Amino acid sequence: MNYVYWAMKVNTHEKADARLLGTPILLEKSTAVVELTATEEMTIDNRGLIHGGFTFGLADYAAMLAVNDPLVVLGSADVKFTAPVKIGESMVATGVVEAVDGRRRDVSVEVSVGEKVVLEGTMACYVLQRHVLDK
C-alpha cells in the first residue's frame, strides 16, 4: 500500500515508534490500517524468520488506533498466527471496532503480507477513566 489517509487525528499512543509498531496508513472512525516492514533486527534465526511479537505488536497498535482514545489499553487477545513472516516482508494490519459495551471495545484484527493472512483474531480493549499508571 502506498497511501496515507487520515480522516481523523491520532489521539492515542503518541510516542509509538514506527520502526517497532508500524506506520498508520488509514485512520477512520472505528477503523485503522497500519503497515510495518520486517527488518533484520526482528529476526530470530539465520533464515530470516520474524519473531511473532512484532506481528502481534502491529495488530495491537492497529486495534488501539481503531479505538483511538488517549486512555485505551489492551485487556486480552484471542489471536492465531496462520503463517510465518520473513525479513523484508511488508505486514499490513487492520483493526475494526466490532462492538462497544461500556468501556470495552471488541476489535477484530488481521495482519496480512500481500494476500496471505499471517495473524487473525480479536482484541478486547478498554477505555479507562484515567491513565493506567495513575494511582
C-alpha atoms as a PDB file:
ATOM      1  CA  MET A   1       0.000   0.000   0.000  1.00  0.00           C
ATOM      2  CA  ASN A   2       1.371   3.376  -0.944  1.00  0.00           C
ATOM      3  CA  TYR A   3      -1.117   5.761   0.605  1.00  0.00           C
ATOM      4  CA  VAL A   4      -1.721   7.618   3.813  1.00  0.00           C
ATOM      5  CA  TYR A   5      -5.296   8.613   4.543  1.00  0.00           C
ATOM      6  CA  TRP A   6      -6.213  10.015   7.914  1.00  0.00           C
ATOM      7  CA  ALA A   7      -9.780  11.210   8.215  1.00  0.00           C
ATOM      8  CA  MET A   8      -9.199  11.591  11.960  1.00  0.00           C
ATOM      9  CA  LYS A   9      -6.486  12.830  14.297  1.00  0.00           C
ATOM     10  CA  VAL A  10      -4.413  10.194  16.095  1.00  0.00           C
ATOM     11  CA  ASN A  11      -5.435  10.512  19.768  1.00  0.00           C
ATOM     12  CA  THR A  12      -3.543   7.610  21.320  1.00  0.00           C
ATOM     13  CA  HIS A  13      -0.063   6.121  21.594  1.00  0.00           C
ATOM     14  CA  GLU A  14       1.528   9.437  20.622  1.00  0.00           C
ATOM     15  CA  LYS A  15       5.074   8.162  21.194  1.00  0.00           C
ATOM     16  CA  ALA A  16       4.687   4.905  19.225  1.00  0.00           C
ATOM     17  CA  ASP A  17       7.862   4.203  17.252  1.00  0.00           C
ATOM     18  CA  ALA A  18       7.033   3.419  13.607  1.00  0.00           C
ATOM     19  CA  ARG A  19      10.143   1.183  13.365  1.00  0.00           C
ATOM     20  CA  LEU A  20       8.691  -1.121  16.028  1.00  0.00           C
ATOM     21  CA  LEU A  21       4.907  -0.775  15.719  1.00  0.00           C
ATOM     22  CA  GLY A  22       4.305   0.411  12.182  1.00  0.00           C
ATOM     23  CA  THR A  23       3.040   3.478  10.362  1.00  0.00           C
ATOM     24  CA  PRO A  24      -0.663   4.324  10.279  1.00  0.00           C
ATOM     25  CA  ILE A  25      -1.830   4.470   6.672  1.00  0.00           C
ATOM     26  CA  LEU A  26      -5.575   4.794   7.254  1.00  0.00           C
ATOM     27  CA  LEU A  27      -7.486   6.128  10.230  1.00  0.00           C
ATOM     28  CA  GLU A  28     -11.254   6.466  10.216  1.00  0.00           C
ATOM     29  CA  LYS A  29     -13.936   6.138  12.873  1.00  0.00           C
ATOM     30  CA  SER A  30     -13.578   2.643  14.378  1.00  0.00           C
ATOM     31  CA  THR A  31     -11.067   1.506  11.715  1.00  0.00           C
ATOM     32  CA  ALA A  32      -7.303   1.676  11.385  1.00  0.00           C
ATOM     33  CA  VAL A  33      -4.751   0.239   8.970  1.00  0.00           C
ATOM     34  CA  VAL A  34      -1.069   0.142   9.914  1.00  0.00           C
ATOM     35  CA  GLU A  35       1.948  -1.037   7.902  1.00  0.00           C
ATOM     36  CA  LEU A  36       5.266  -2.436   9.159  1.00  0.00           C
ATOM     37  CA  THR A  37       8.175  -3.831   7.167  1.00  0.00           C
ATOM     38  CA  ALA A  38      10.055  -6.675   8.825  1.00  0.00           C
ATOM     39  CA  THR A  39      13.718  -5.779   9.430  1.00  0.00           C
ATOM     40  CA  GLU A  40      16.902  -7.623  10.322  1.00  0.00           C
ATOM     41  CA  GLU A  41      16.517  -6.587  13.989  1.00  0.00           C
ATOM     42  CA  MET A  42      13.210  -8.512  14.148  1.00  0.00           C
ATOM     43  CA  THR A  43      14.673 -11.853  13.025  1.00  0.00           C
ATOM     44  CA  ILE A  44      15.170 -14.785  15.344  1.00  0.00           C
ATOM     45  CA  ASP A  45      17.270 -17.072  13.167  1.00  0.00           C
ATOM     46  CA  ASN A  46      19.621 -17.173  10.196  1.00  0.00           C
ATOM     47  CA  ARG A  47      16.771 -17.986   7.816  1.00  0.00           C
ATOM     48  CA  GLY A  48      15.086 -14.603   8.310  1.00  0.00           C
ATOM     49  CA  LEU A  49      12.093 -15.662  10.419  1.00  0.00           C
ATOM     50  CA  ILE A  50      10.476 -12.706  12.212  1.00  0.00           C
ATOM     51  CA  HIS A  51       9.551 -13.024  15.892  1.00  0.00           C
ATOM     52  CA  GLY A  52       5.761 -13.195  16.293  1.00  0.00           C
ATOM     53  CA  GLY A  53       5.866 -10.469  18.925  1.00  0.00           C
ATOM     54  CA  PHE A  54       6.378  -7.893  16.178  1.00  0.00           C
ATOM     55  CA  THR A  55       3.373  -9.196  14.256  1.00  0.00           C
ATOM     56  CA  PHE A  56       1.313  -9.160  17.456  1.00  0.00           C
ATOM     57  CA  GLY A  57       2.530  -5.653  18.341  1.00  0.00           C
ATOM     58  CA  LEU A  58       1.450  -4.411  14.922  1.00  0.00           C
ATOM     59  CA  ALA A  59      -2.015  -5.935  15.389  1.00  0.00           C
ATOM     60  CA  ASP A  60      -2.250  -4.407  18.881  1.00  0.00           C
ATOM     61  CA  TYR A  61      -1.305  -0.967  17.523  1.00  0.00           C
ATOM     62  CA  ALA A  62      -3.976  -1.233  14.814  1.00  0.00           C
ATOM     63  CA  ALA A  63      -6.546  -2.123  17.498  1.00  0.00           C
ATOM     64  CA  MET A  64      -5.506   0.822  19.678  1.00  0.00           C
ATOM     65  CA  LEU A  65      -5.799   3.210  16.718  1.00  0.00           C
ATOM     66  CA  ALA A  66      -9.204   1.791  15.761  1.00  0.00           C
ATOM     67  CA  VAL A  67     -10.426   2.767  19.249  1.00  0.00           C
ATOM     68  CA  ASN A  68      -8.338   5.975  19.118  1.00  0.00           C
ATOM     69  CA  ASP A  69      -8.848   7.130  22.686  1.00  0.00           C
ATOM     70  CA  PRO A  70      -5.926   8.504  24.770  1.00  0.00           C
ATOM     71  CA  LEU A  71      -6.768   6.111  27.623  1.00  0.00           C
ATOM     72  CA  VAL A  72      -7.229   2.856  25.672  1.00  0.00           C
ATOM     73  CA  VAL A  73      -5.396  -0.275  26.847  1.00  0.00           C
ATOM     74  CA  LEU A  74      -5.368  -3.890  25.731  1.00  0.00           C
ATOM     75  CA  GLY A  75      -7.157  -6.195  28.170  1.00  0.00           C
ATOM     76  CA  SER A  76      -6.948  -9.512  26.349  1.00  0.00           C
ATOM     77  CA  ALA A  77      -6.390 -11.020  22.953  1.00  0.00           C
ATOM     78  CA  ASP A  78      -7.609 -14.128  21.188  1.00  0.00           C
ATOM     79  CA  VAL A  79      -5.454 -14.407  18.087  1.00  0.00           C
ATOM     80  CA  LYS A  80      -3.873 -17.102  15.986  1.00  0.00           C
ATOM     81  CA  PHE A  81      -0.785 -16.990  13.849  1.00  0.00           C
ATOM     82  CA  THR A  82      -1.571 -18.522  10.474  1.00  0.00           C
ATOM     83  CA  ALA A  83       1.693 -18.094   8.540  1.00  0.00           C
ATOM     84  CA  PRO A  84       5.293 -17.019   9.172  1.00  0.00           C
ATOM     85  CA  VAL A  85       6.733 -13.611   8.297  1.00  0.00           C
ATOM     86  CA  LYS A  86      10.209 -13.203   6.798  1.00  0.00           C
ATOM     87  CA  ILE A  87      12.672 -10.348   6.742  1.00  0.00           C
ATOM     88  CA  GLY A  88      11.803  -7.711   4.146  1.00  0.00           C
ATOM     89  CA  GLU A  89       8.102  -8.542   4.022  1.00  0.00           C
ATOM     90  CA  SER A  90       5.587  -5.742   4.500  1.00  0.00           C
ATOM     91  CA  MET A  91       2.865  -6.535   7.034  1.00  0.00           C
ATOM     92  CA  VAL A  92      -0.426  -4.650   6.926  1.00  0.00           C
ATOM     93  CA  ALA A  93      -2.679  -4.780   9.987  1.00  0.00           C
ATOM     94  CA  THR A  94      -6.332  -3.811  10.035  1.00  0.00           C
ATOM     95  CA  GLY A  95      -8.261  -3.163  13.226  1.00  0.00           C
ATOM     96  CA  VAL A  96     -12.043  -2.682  13.255  1.00  0.00           C
ATOM     97  CA  VAL A  97     -14.165  -1.958  16.328  1.00  0.00           C
ATOM     98  CA  GLU A  98     -16.928  -4.559  16.132  1.00  0.00           C
ATOM     99  CA  ALA A  99     -18.729  -3.967  19.439  1.00  0.00           C
ATOM    100  CA  VAL A 100     -18.909  -1.414  22.236  1.00  0.00           C
ATOM    101  CA  ASP A 101     -20.048  -2.381  25.732  1.00  0.00           C
ATOM    102  CA  GLY A 102     -19.454   0.361  28.282  1.00  0.00           C
ATOM    103  CA  ARG A 103     -15.693   0.867  28.454  1.00  0.00           C
ATOM    104  CA  ARG A 104     -14.987  -2.323  26.482  1.00  0.00           C
ATOM    105  CA  ARG A 105     -14.289  -2.292  22.745  1.00  0.00           C
ATOM    106  CA  ASP A 106     -14.084  -5.598  20.870  1.00  0.00           C
ATOM    107  CA  VAL A 107     -11.746  -5.123  17.927  1.00  0.00           C
ATOM    108  CA  SER A 108     -11.228  -7.603  15.101  1.00  0.00           C
ATOM    109  CA  VAL A 109      -7.641  -7.670  13.867  1.00  0.00           C
ATOM    110  CA  GLU A 110      -5.995  -9.130  10.809  1.00  0.00           C
ATOM    111  CA  VAL A 111      -2.388  -8.919   9.666  1.00  0.00           C
ATOM    112  CA  SER A 112      -1.528  -9.767   6.074  1.00  0.00           C
ATOM    113  CA  VAL A 113       1.549  -9.989   3.888  1.00  0.00           C
ATOM    114  CA  GLY A 114       0.165  -9.387   0.422  1.00  0.00           C
ATOM    115  CA  GLU A 115      -2.813 -11.720   0.066  1.00  0.00           C
ATOM    116  CA  LYS A 116      -1.553 -14.057   2.816  1.00  0.00           C
ATOM    117  CA  VAL A 117      -3.129 -13.650   6.289  1.00  0.00           C
ATOM    118  CA  VAL A 118      -0.458 -14.161   8.956  1.00  0.00           C
ATOM    119  CA  LEU A 119      -2.459 -13.302  12.113  1.00  0.00           C
ATOM    120  CA  GLU A 120      -6.179 -13.000  12.830  1.00  0.00           C
ATOM    121  CA  GLY A 121      -8.389 -12.672  15.868  1.00  0.00           C
ATOM    122  CA  THR A 122      -9.993 -10.291  18.319  1.00  0.00           C
ATOM    123  CA  MET A 123      -8.709  -7.968  20.995  1.00  0.00           C
ATOM    124  CA  ALA A 124     -10.639  -6.696  23.999  1.00  0.00           C
ATOM    125  CA  CYS A 125      -9.647  -3.067  24.521  1.00  0.00           C
ATOM    126  CA  TYR A 126     -10.726  -0.905  27.428  1.00  0.00           C
ATOM    127  CA  VAL A 127     -11.087   2.858  27.640  1.00  0.00           C
ATOM    128  CA  LEU A 128     -10.103   3.773  31.186  1.00  0.00           C
ATOM    129  CA  GLN A 129     -11.211   6.774  33.235  1.00  0.00           C
ATOM    130  CA  ARG A 130      -7.599   7.720  33.955  1.00  0.00           C
ATOM    131  CA  HIS A 131      -4.137   6.720  32.737  1.00  0.00           C
ATOM    132  CA  VAL A 132      -3.228   3.147  33.652  1.00  0.00           C
ATOM    133  CA  LEU A 133      -0.156   4.409  35.547  1.00  0.00           C
ATOM    134  CA  ASP A 134      -2.134   6.873  37.679  1.00  0.00           C
ATOM    135  CA  LYS A 135      -2.863   5.730  41.225  1.00  0.00           C
END
